Amino acid sequence: MQSAIVKRSIVIAGHKTSVSLEDEFWNGLKEIARDQRATLSNLVGEVDTRRSHGNLSSTIRLFVLDHYRARMAALASGAAVDGTLQPSRSSANLYSPLRAGNGL
């Protein structure tokens, strides 16, 4: 099953940009934003500020993947899953989920 890549416009730090993602990644990103009580624009803006290379679409995909990997690891270990998890791999600082209540 192939998912179509959908291009959407989003405002990040007051600037409009386009991001192309598969529907599954858009849905995952929206779910993360909802769980963290952040707007989609604020969440993408935070992801954007943390990237050191690559394009924004790729960075978002990795962020979503890392978020769900961290949730699965927490579930497997019996830890609570509350949206504040930090992935255990070395890129945790780049793609880690945002902490709820940090002003977003």
Protein backbone atom coordinates (compact mmCIF):
# COMPACT_ATOMS: atom_id res chain seq x y z
CA MET A 1 0.00 0.00 0.00
CA GLN A 2 1.45 3.34 -1.03
CA SER A 3 0.52 6.57 0.64
CA ALA A 4 0.36 9.72 -1.42
CA ILE A 5 2.61 12.54 -0.36
CA VAL A 6 0.54 15.58 0.50
CA LYS A 7 1.97 19.09 0.39
CA ARG A 8 0.57 21.45 2.99
CA SER A 9 1.33 25.01 3.94
CA ILE A 10 2.22 25.83 7.52
CA VAL A 11 3.32 28.98 9.30
CA ILE A 12 6.54 28.60 11.30
CA ALA A 13 7.80 31.54 13.34
CA GLY A 14 5.68 33.90 11.28
CA HIS A 15 6.85 32.56 7.91
CA LYS A 16 4.73 30.45 5.60
CA THR A 17 6.38 27.32 4.22
CA SER A 18 5.29 24.11 2.52
CA VAL A 19 5.93 20.65 3.89
CA SER A 20 5.37 17.43 1.93
CA LEU A 21 4.50 14.38 4.03
CA GLU A 22 2.54 11.18 3.68
CA ASP A 23 -0.90 11.24 5.34
CA GLU A 24 0.31 8.82 8.02
CA PHE A 25 3.04 11.24 9.08
CA TRP A 26 0.64 14.23 9.05
CA ASN A 27 -1.74 12.25 11.25
CA GLY A 28 1.05 11.20 13.61
CA LEU A 29 2.31 14.77 13.84
CA LYS A 30 -1.20 16.06 14.63
CA GLU A 31 -1.60 13.40 17.32
CA ILE A 32 1.72 14.35 18.93
CA ALA A 33 0.76 18.04 18.89
CA ARG A 34 -2.61 17.24 20.45
CA ASP A 35 -1.02 15.03 23.14
CA GLN A 36 1.48 17.77 23.99
CA ARG A 37 -1.18 20.50 23.92
CA ALA A 38 0.79 22.35 21.26
CA THR A 39 -0.31 23.82 17.98
CA LEU A 40 0.88 22.05 14.86
CA SER A 41 2.76 25.21 13.86
CA ASN A 42 4.54 25.44 17.22
CA LEU A 43 5.48 21.76 17.16
CA VAL A 44 6.85 21.96 13.61
CA GLY A 45 8.64 25.18 14.52
CA GLU A 46 10.36 23.44 17.45
CA VAL A 47 11.32 20.49 15.25
CA ASP A 48 12.66 22.95 12.68
CA THR A 49 14.86 24.75 15.23
CA ARG A 50 16.37 21.44 16.37
CA ARG A 51 17.45 20.21 12.95
CA SER A 52 21.06 20.52 11.98
CA HIS A 53 20.80 19.30 8.39
CA GLY A 54 18.38 17.77 5.93
CA ASN A 55 15.09 19.11 4.77
CA LEU A 56 12.17 19.82 7.05
CA SER A 57 10.00 17.01 5.70
CA SER A 58 12.68 14.41 6.46
CA THR A 59 13.28 15.89 9.90
CA ILE A 60 9.56 15.70 10.70
CA ARG A 61 9.39 12.07 9.55
CA LEU A 62 12.30 11.18 11.86
CA PHE A 63 10.72 13.11 14.74
CA VAL A 64 7.43 11.21 14.36
CA LEU A 65 9.23 7.88 14.02
CA ASP A 66 11.37 8.55 17.11
CA HIS A 67 8.32 9.64 19.09
CA TYR A 68 6.49 6.39 18.42
CA ARG A 69 9.62 4.29 18.95
CA ALA A 70 10.01 5.91 22.36
CA ARG A 71 6.37 5.19 23.19
CA MET A 72 6.76 1.55 22.18
CA ALA A 73 9.91 1.22 24.29
CA ALA A 74 8.11 2.77 27.25
CA LEU A 75 5.17 0.42 26.84
CA ALA A 76 7.50 -2.57 26.56
CA SER A 77 9.27 -1.56 29.78
CA GLY A 78 6.04 -0.83 31.62
CA ALA A 79 6.76 2.91 31.92
CA ALA A 80 4.01 5.49 31.70
CA VAL A 81 3.44 7.01 28.29
CA ASP A 82 2.55 10.66 28.82
CA GLY A 83 3.97 12.57 25.86
CA THR A 84 7.14 13.63 27.68
CA LEU A 85 9.37 10.76 26.62
CA GLN A 86 12.91 11.25 25.42
CA PRO A 87 14.15 8.73 22.84
CA SER A 88 17.15 6.79 24.08
CA ARG A 89 19.18 6.95 20.89
CA SER A 90 21.97 9.43 20.26
CA SER A 91 19.82 11.84 18.25
CA ALA A 92 17.44 12.34 21.17
CA ASN A 93 18.24 16.05 21.45
CA LEU A 94 17.40 16.61 17.79
CA TYR A 95 14.16 14.67 17.49
CA SER A 96 12.90 14.26 21.04
CA PRO A 97 9.23 14.92 21.70
CA LEU A 98 8.55 18.26 23.30
CA ARG A 99 7.71 18.38 26.98
CA ALA A 100 4.13 19.32 27.74
CA GLY A 101 3.69 22.64 29.45
CA ASN A 102 6.81 24.30 28.03
CA GLY A 103 4.95 27.34 26.83
CA LEU A 104 3.75 26.03 23.48
